[in-house]
Protein backbone atom coordinates (compact mmCIF):
# COMPACT_ATOMS: atom_id res chain seq x y z
CA MET A 1 -18.65 19.06 7.19
CA PRO A 2 -18.57 15.28 7.54
CA LEU A 3 -15.61 13.25 6.37
CA SER A 4 -16.20 12.05 2.80
CA MET A 5 -15.37 8.63 1.39
CA TYR A 6 -12.83 10.29 -0.90
CA GLN A 7 -11.12 12.05 2.01
CA ALA A 8 -11.04 8.78 3.97
CA SER A 9 -9.47 6.84 1.10
CA VAL A 10 -7.40 8.50 -1.62
CA PRO A 11 -5.36 10.96 0.50
CA VAL A 12 -4.89 8.31 3.21
CA PHE A 13 -3.54 5.78 0.71
CA ILE A 14 -1.36 8.32 -1.07
CA ARG A 15 0.23 9.39 2.21
CA ALA A 16 0.87 5.79 3.31
CA LEU A 17 2.38 4.91 -0.07
CA LYS A 18 4.59 8.01 -0.22
CA ASN A 19 5.93 7.13 3.22
CA LEU A 20 6.45 3.53 2.10
CA ASP A 21 8.38 4.81 -0.92
CA GLY A 22 10.64 6.80 1.40
CA VAL A 23 11.25 3.71 3.55
CA LEU A 24 12.19 1.70 0.44
CA GLN A 25 14.59 4.43 -0.68
CA LYS A 26 16.30 4.22 2.70
CA GLY A 27 16.43 0.44 2.32
CA GLU A 28 18.11 0.77 -1.04
CA ALA A 29 20.64 3.31 0.30
CA PHE A 30 21.36 0.99 3.24
CA ALA A 31 22.00 -1.98 0.93
CA ARG A 32 24.31 0.11 -1.21
CA ALA A 33 26.23 1.52 1.80
CA LYS A 34 26.62 -1.89 3.43
CA LYS A 35 27.36 -3.62 0.11
CA ILE A 36 24.41 -5.95 0.56
CA GLU A 37 22.90 -7.43 -2.57
CA PRO A 38 19.49 -5.66 -2.77
CA ALA A 39 17.75 -8.96 -3.57
CA VAL A 40 18.63 -10.14 -0.07
CA LEU A 41 16.40 -7.44 1.44
CA ILE A 42 13.75 -7.58 -1.28
CA ASN A 43 13.30 -11.32 -0.77
CA ASP A 44 13.53 -11.29 3.02
CA ARG A 45 10.53 -12.02 5.22
CA LEU A 46 9.80 -11.80 8.93
CA ALA A 47 8.76 -15.43 9.27
CA PRO A 48 8.88 -18.47 6.96
CA ASP A 49 5.11 -18.37 6.40
CA MET A 50 4.98 -14.66 5.58
CA PHE A 51 5.42 -12.97 2.22
CA PRO A 52 8.74 -11.30 1.35
CA LEU A 53 9.24 -7.54 1.18
CA SER A 54 8.47 -7.39 -2.54
CA ARG A 55 5.09 -9.09 -2.09
CA GLN A 56 4.22 -6.81 0.84
CA ILE A 57 4.66 -3.81 -1.48
CA GLN A 58 2.66 -5.48 -4.23
CA ILE A 59 -0.23 -6.24 -1.89
CA ALA A 60 -0.26 -2.77 -0.29
CA THR A 61 -0.44 -1.12 -3.71
CA ASP A 62 -3.01 -3.62 -5.02
CA ILE A 63 -5.33 -3.12 -2.05
CA ALA A 64 -5.17 0.69 -2.32
CA ARG A 65 -5.69 0.70 -6.09
CA ARG A 66 -8.42 -1.94 -6.18
CA GLY A 67 -10.27 -0.55 -3.17
CA VAL A 68 -10.50 2.93 -4.65
CA ALA A 69 -11.49 1.52 -8.04
CA ARG A 70 -14.29 -0.51 -6.47
CA LEU A 71 -15.61 2.54 -4.64
CA ALA A 72 -15.44 4.55 -7.87
CA GLY A 73 -17.15 1.80 -9.87
CA VAL A 74 -14.30 1.53 -12.38
CA GLU A 75 -12.08 -1.32 -13.47
CA PRO A 76 -8.89 -1.30 -11.40
CA GLN A 77 -5.64 -0.78 -13.21
CA LYS A 78 -3.69 -4.07 -13.37
CA PHE A 79 -0.01 -4.43 -12.57
CA GLU A 80 2.17 -7.45 -13.12
CA ASP A 81 3.82 -8.73 -9.96
CA ASN A 82 7.33 -8.84 -11.39
CA GLU A 83 9.27 -6.25 -9.38
CA GLN A 84 12.79 -7.40 -8.54
CA THR A 85 14.63 -4.22 -7.54
CA PHE A 86 14.04 -1.33 -5.20
CA ALA A 87 13.60 0.88 -8.26
CA ASP A 88 10.90 -1.49 -9.57
CA LEU A 89 9.07 -1.41 -6.24
CA CYS A 90 9.29 2.39 -5.98
CA ASP A 91 8.01 2.68 -9.56
CA ARG A 92 5.04 0.48 -8.66
CA ILE A 93 4.25 2.78 -5.76
CA LYS A 94 4.54 5.86 -7.99
CA ARG A 95 2.24 4.30 -10.62
CA THR A 96 -0.28 3.47 -7.89
CA ILE A 97 -0.17 7.03 -6.58
CA ALA A 98 -0.66 8.39 -10.11
CA TYR A 99 -3.68 6.12 -10.52
CA LEU A 100 -5.14 7.21 -7.18
CA GLU A 101 -4.62 10.86 -8.15
CA SER A 102 -6.61 10.26 -11.34
CA ILE A 103 -9.72 9.39 -9.32
CA GLN A 104 -11.98 12.36 -8.61
CA PRO A 105 -13.92 12.88 -5.36
CA ARG A 106 -17.24 12.78 -7.22
CA GLN A 107 -16.44 9.20 -8.31
CA ILE A 108 -16.15 7.97 -4.71
CA ASP A 109 -18.24 10.25 -2.53
CA GLY A 110 -21.61 8.70 -1.78
CA SER A 111 -20.29 5.13 -2.03
CA GLU A 112 -20.80 4.41 1.69
CA GLU A 113 -23.71 2.02 1.10
CA LYS A 114 -22.58 0.69 -2.28
CA GLN A 115 -22.54 -3.11 -2.25
CA VAL A 116 -19.08 -4.57 -2.84
CA THR A 117 -18.28 -8.27 -3.05
CA LEU A 118 -14.68 -9.44 -2.71
CA GLU A 119 -13.32 -12.91 -3.09
CA ILE A 120 -11.14 -13.56 -0.07
CA ARG A 121 -9.40 -16.92 0.17
CA GLY A 122 -11.96 -18.44 -2.18
CA ASN A 123 -14.99 -17.06 -0.35
CA ALA A 124 -17.28 -14.26 -1.45
CA VAL A 125 -17.42 -11.56 1.22
CA ASN A 126 -20.02 -8.82 0.99
CA PHE A 127 -19.35 -5.32 2.25
CA THR A 128 -20.85 -1.90 1.99
CA GLY A 129 -18.39 0.60 0.53
CA LYS A 130 -17.79 2.06 3.99
CA GLU A 131 -17.21 -1.38 5.53
CA MET A 132 -14.78 -2.36 2.78
CA LEU A 133 -12.82 0.87 3.16
CA LEU A 134 -12.69 0.96 6.96
CA ASN A 135 -12.52 -2.76 7.78
CA PHE A 136 -10.60 -4.18 4.83
CA SER A 137 -8.76 -1.73 2.58
CA ILE A 138 -7.25 0.71 5.09
CA PRO A 139 -6.20 -1.98 7.59
CA ASN A 140 -4.63 -4.08 4.83
CA VAL A 141 -2.65 -1.19 3.35
CA TYR A 142 -1.28 -0.37 6.79
CA PHE A 143 -0.63 -4.01 7.67
CA HIS A 144 1.44 -4.69 4.55
CA SER A 145 3.21 -1.33 4.82
CA SER A 146 4.05 -2.12 8.46
CA VAL A 147 5.41 -5.54 7.58
CA ALA A 148 7.56 -4.06 4.80
CA PHE A 149 8.85 -1.47 7.30
CA ALA A 150 9.54 -4.22 9.86
CA ILE A 151 11.47 -6.35 7.36
CA LEU A 152 13.79 -3.46 6.56
CA ARG A 153 14.15 -2.39 10.19
CA HIS A 154 14.87 -5.96 11.24
CA ASN A 155 17.71 -6.01 8.71
CA GLY A 156 19.28 -2.89 10.20
CA VAL A 157 17.90 -0.13 8.00
CA GLU A 158 17.84 3.00 10.15
CA ILE A 159 14.18 3.90 9.94
CA GLY A 160 11.78 4.84 12.67
CA LYS A 161 8.21 5.76 13.41
CA SER A 162 8.63 9.17 11.79
CA ASP A 163 9.56 7.46 8.50
CA PHE A 164 6.42 5.35 8.67
CA LEU A 165 4.14 8.25 9.61
CA GLY A 166 5.83 10.90 7.46
CA ASN A 167 5.54 14.60 8.12
CA LEU A 168 2.74 15.36 10.53
CA PRO A 169 0.81 18.64 10.45
CA ALA A 170 2.18 21.25 12.82
């Protein structure tokens, strides 16, 4: 059986976001153990022209939620970008996962050739559903998750590749 659009999107995003939630929980525990004000980590960035940790989480969840909604042909759930604590960021991830879990395979499967237009940096970019998923949504979720991981690791949080990838099938 061929891989469906649902299988290539919702479970992939849920797994990435659950792993990201685990990384954030380790970041929070690290801050507590080292008596570091959590805002220091939440507002840290890898380079001056990059977004801070909090924004990386916001973008990763937005891309997953909006991408799936576009494939399903429904209005994406909107979140305010006002998270200031690790608990806030983890809650955002959990709300995103709950939203993704509410989408049924029948809503997404068959969307490979669906026309999707995104506004990216002020320009309209046209994709098929498959192109958007494979060339925009998945890479962006992993990019922003990786940067969030790197910010925490750079600050000394003891996380590794297995935290990013999560439990792999035996």
